[in-house]
């Protein structure tokens, strides 16, 4: 997996959302930046999860469910377990984001909700590759609210589970 910390900017992933540097109006847009408030005056300022001075993906959530916020296709070893992890925070206190993992078009785990503004929370799930040799991993927005539903993602990781 590449650029899960967004230090490489807007590269290495796909999104159903539109990339809009410097302007997150209206809904359905994202930006890669170090301060959410610099792209939307209604967003709270916060620092990235990684170092406090790096980039994060900031999203003005769309009102349609099942929108892929972030996706990447990676090679996997068949019959192996992997962990998918992401850090999430709200950037607007109303209607926190409701996100879910998806791999190869199937949901993995329950919907998770963003907590308070600038309280980074980690969400993760374990996935068994079965006979698959590749995985299309996505983070999907399930919130349909246009007010709020604004969040930041950082430090997305997809890695094999260590077995001793």
Protein backbone atom coordinates (compact mmCIF):
# COMPACT_ATOMS: atom_id res chain seq x y z
CA UNK A 1 0.00 0.00 0.00
CA UNK A 2 1.21 3.52 -0.74
CA UNK A 3 0.61 7.05 0.58
CA UNK A 4 -1.70 6.07 3.46
CA UNK A 5 -0.35 9.05 5.40
CA UNK A 6 -1.03 11.45 2.48
CA UNK A 7 2.48 12.89 2.63
CA UNK A 8 2.66 12.14 -1.12
CA UNK A 9 -0.29 14.49 -1.69
CA UNK A 10 -3.17 13.50 -3.96
CA UNK A 11 -1.63 10.31 -5.33
CA UNK A 12 -1.79 6.54 -4.99
CA UNK A 13 -5.55 6.25 -4.40
CA UNK A 14 -8.93 6.77 -6.07
CA UNK A 15 -12.10 8.45 -4.78
CA UNK A 16 -15.70 8.96 -5.88
CA UNK A 17 -15.29 12.45 -4.40
CA UNK A 18 -13.89 15.37 -6.38
CA UNK A 19 -10.42 16.67 -5.59
CA UNK A 20 -10.68 20.40 -4.88
CA UNK A 21 -7.48 21.94 -3.50
CA UNK A 22 -8.13 25.01 -1.37
CA UNK A 23 -11.94 24.93 -1.62
CA UNK A 24 -14.19 22.30 -0.03
CA UNK A 25 -17.49 23.90 -1.08
CA UNK A 26 -19.96 22.23 -1.83
CA UNK A 27 -20.35 18.67 -0.49
CA UNK A 28 -18.73 15.71 -2.21
CA UNK A 29 -15.20 17.16 -2.32
CA UNK A 30 -11.90 16.39 -0.63
CA UNK A 31 -8.51 18.01 -0.22
CA UNK A 32 -5.10 16.83 0.98
CA UNK A 33 -3.70 19.40 3.38
CA UNK A 34 -2.32 20.14 6.84
CA UNK A 35 -5.22 22.24 8.23
CA UNK A 36 -8.91 21.61 7.38
CA UNK A 37 -9.84 25.24 8.02
CA UNK A 38 -7.63 26.43 5.15
CA UNK A 39 -10.06 24.79 2.65
CA UNK A 40 -13.37 25.44 4.45
CA UNK A 41 -14.00 28.23 6.96
CA UNK A 42 -16.64 26.11 8.74
CA UNK A 43 -14.16 23.35 9.58
CA UNK A 44 -12.22 23.27 12.82
CA UNK A 45 -8.45 23.61 12.60
CA UNK A 46 -6.60 20.44 13.55
CA UNK A 47 -3.28 18.71 13.00
CA UNK A 48 -2.68 15.45 11.19
CA UNK A 49 -2.48 12.24 13.19
CA UNK A 50 1.03 11.29 12.05
CA UNK A 51 3.26 14.13 13.20
CA UNK A 52 1.08 17.15 13.86
CA UNK A 53 2.59 18.95 10.88
CA UNK A 54 1.89 16.68 7.91
CA UNK A 55 -0.97 16.07 5.51
CA UNK A 56 -4.35 14.40 5.94
CA UNK A 57 -7.34 13.79 3.68
CA UNK A 58 -10.13 16.24 4.57
CA UNK A 59 -13.62 15.47 3.24
CA UNK A 60 -16.82 17.47 2.89
CA UNK A 61 -19.15 14.46 3.02
CA UNK A 62 -21.67 13.90 0.23
CA UNK A 63 -25.35 13.24 0.94
CA UNK A 64 -25.39 9.93 -0.93
CA UNK A 65 -24.62 6.66 0.84
CA UNK A 66 -22.08 4.14 -0.41
CA UNK A 67 -19.69 6.76 -1.83
CA UNK A 68 -16.09 5.55 -1.94
CA UNK A 69 -14.06 8.15 -0.09
CA UNK A 70 -10.71 6.42 -0.54
CA UNK A 71 -9.74 3.28 -2.52
CA UNK A 72 -6.57 1.48 -3.48
CA UNK A 73 -5.95 -1.88 -5.15
CA UNK A 74 -3.08 -3.95 -3.77
CA UNK A 75 -1.62 -7.42 -4.29
CA UNK A 76 -2.23 -9.95 -1.53
CA UNK A 77 -1.12 -13.48 -0.76
CA UNK A 78 -3.94 -16.02 -1.00
CA UNK A 79 -5.10 -17.66 2.23
CA UNK A 80 -3.60 -14.94 4.43
CA UNK A 81 -4.98 -12.53 6.98
CA UNK A 82 -4.59 -8.76 6.66
CA UNK A 83 -5.40 -5.83 8.91
CA UNK A 84 -7.03 -2.70 7.48
CA UNK A 85 -6.69 0.32 9.74
CA UNK A 86 -7.46 4.04 9.49
CA UNK A 87 -7.48 7.05 11.79
CA UNK A 88 -10.56 9.32 11.70
CA UNK A 89 -11.62 12.63 13.25
CA UNK A 90 -14.53 15.00 12.74
CA UNK A 91 -13.75 18.50 11.45
CA UNK A 92 -17.32 19.75 12.05
CA UNK A 93 -19.22 18.80 15.23
CA UNK A 94 -22.64 18.19 13.66
CA UNK A 95 -23.59 14.80 12.18
CA UNK A 96 -20.30 12.87 12.54
CA UNK A 97 -19.17 10.75 9.61
CA UNK A 98 -20.36 7.15 9.34
CA UNK A 99 -17.73 5.13 7.49
CA UNK A 100 -17.28 1.48 6.60
CA UNK A 101 -14.51 -0.62 5.10
CA UNK A 102 -15.07 -2.50 1.85
CA UNK A 103 -12.79 -5.04 0.18
CA UNK A 104 -13.46 -6.34 -3.33
CA UNK A 105 -16.95 -4.83 -3.19
CA UNK A 106 -18.02 -6.52 0.07
CA UNK A 107 -18.37 -4.66 3.36
CA UNK A 108 -15.89 -5.63 6.05
CA UNK A 109 -16.94 -4.96 9.64
CA UNK A 110 -19.52 -2.59 11.08
CA UNK A 111 -20.06 1.09 10.35
CA UNK A 112 -17.84 3.29 12.51
CA UNK A 113 -18.56 6.84 13.57
CA UNK A 114 -16.22 9.79 13.87
CA UNK A 115 -15.99 11.14 17.39
CA UNK A 116 -15.62 14.73 18.51
CA UNK A 117 -13.70 17.33 16.52
CA UNK A 118 -9.95 16.73 16.61
CA UNK A 119 -10.11 13.49 18.57
CA UNK A 120 -8.32 11.02 16.30
CA UNK A 121 -9.75 7.51 16.64
CA UNK A 122 -8.40 4.34 15.07
CA UNK A 123 -10.70 1.85 13.36
CA UNK A 124 -9.55 -1.52 12.06
CA UNK A 125 -10.76 -4.88 10.79
CA UNK A 126 -9.11 -8.20 9.99
CA UNK A 127 -9.71 -9.65 6.52
CA UNK A 128 -8.94 -13.14 5.19
CA UNK A 129 -7.81 -13.10 1.55
CA UNK A 130 -9.18 -16.57 0.73
CA UNK A 131 -8.27 -17.33 -2.89
CA UNK A 132 -7.79 -13.65 -3.81
CA UNK A 133 -4.45 -12.41 -5.13
CA UNK A 134 -5.50 -8.75 -5.11
CA UNK A 135 -7.69 -6.58 -2.92
CA UNK A 136 -9.58 -3.44 -3.86
CA UNK A 137 -9.77 -1.78 -0.45
CA UNK A 138 -12.09 1.17 0.15
CA UNK A 139 -13.37 3.43 2.88
CA UNK A 140 -17.05 4.11 2.18
CA UNK A 141 -19.19 6.98 3.51
CA UNK A 142 -22.59 5.81 4.81
CA UNK A 143 -23.80 9.16 6.22
CA UNK A 144 -26.42 10.95 4.08
CA UNK A 145 -26.47 14.23 6.04
CA UNK A 146 -25.36 17.35 4.20
CA UNK A 147 -24.93 19.31 7.47
CA UNK A 148 -21.79 18.06 9.14
CA UNK A 149 -20.58 14.72 7.80
CA UNK A 150 -17.19 16.42 7.49
CA UNK A 151 -14.09 14.51 8.52
CA UNK A 152 -10.39 13.84 8.12
CA UNK A 153 -8.60 10.53 7.47
CA UNK A 154 -4.96 9.73 8.09
CA UNK A 155 -2.52 6.83 8.45
CA UNK A 156 -4.45 4.24 6.45
CA UNK A 157 -2.66 0.88 6.65
CA UNK A 158 -3.31 -2.48 4.99
CA UNK A 159 -0.77 -5.08 6.09
CA UNK A 160 -0.40 -8.81 6.66
CA UNK A 161 -1.17 -10.06 10.15
CA UNK A 162 1.97 -11.48 11.74
CA UNK A 163 1.65 -15.12 12.70
CA UNK A 164 4.12 -16.64 15.13
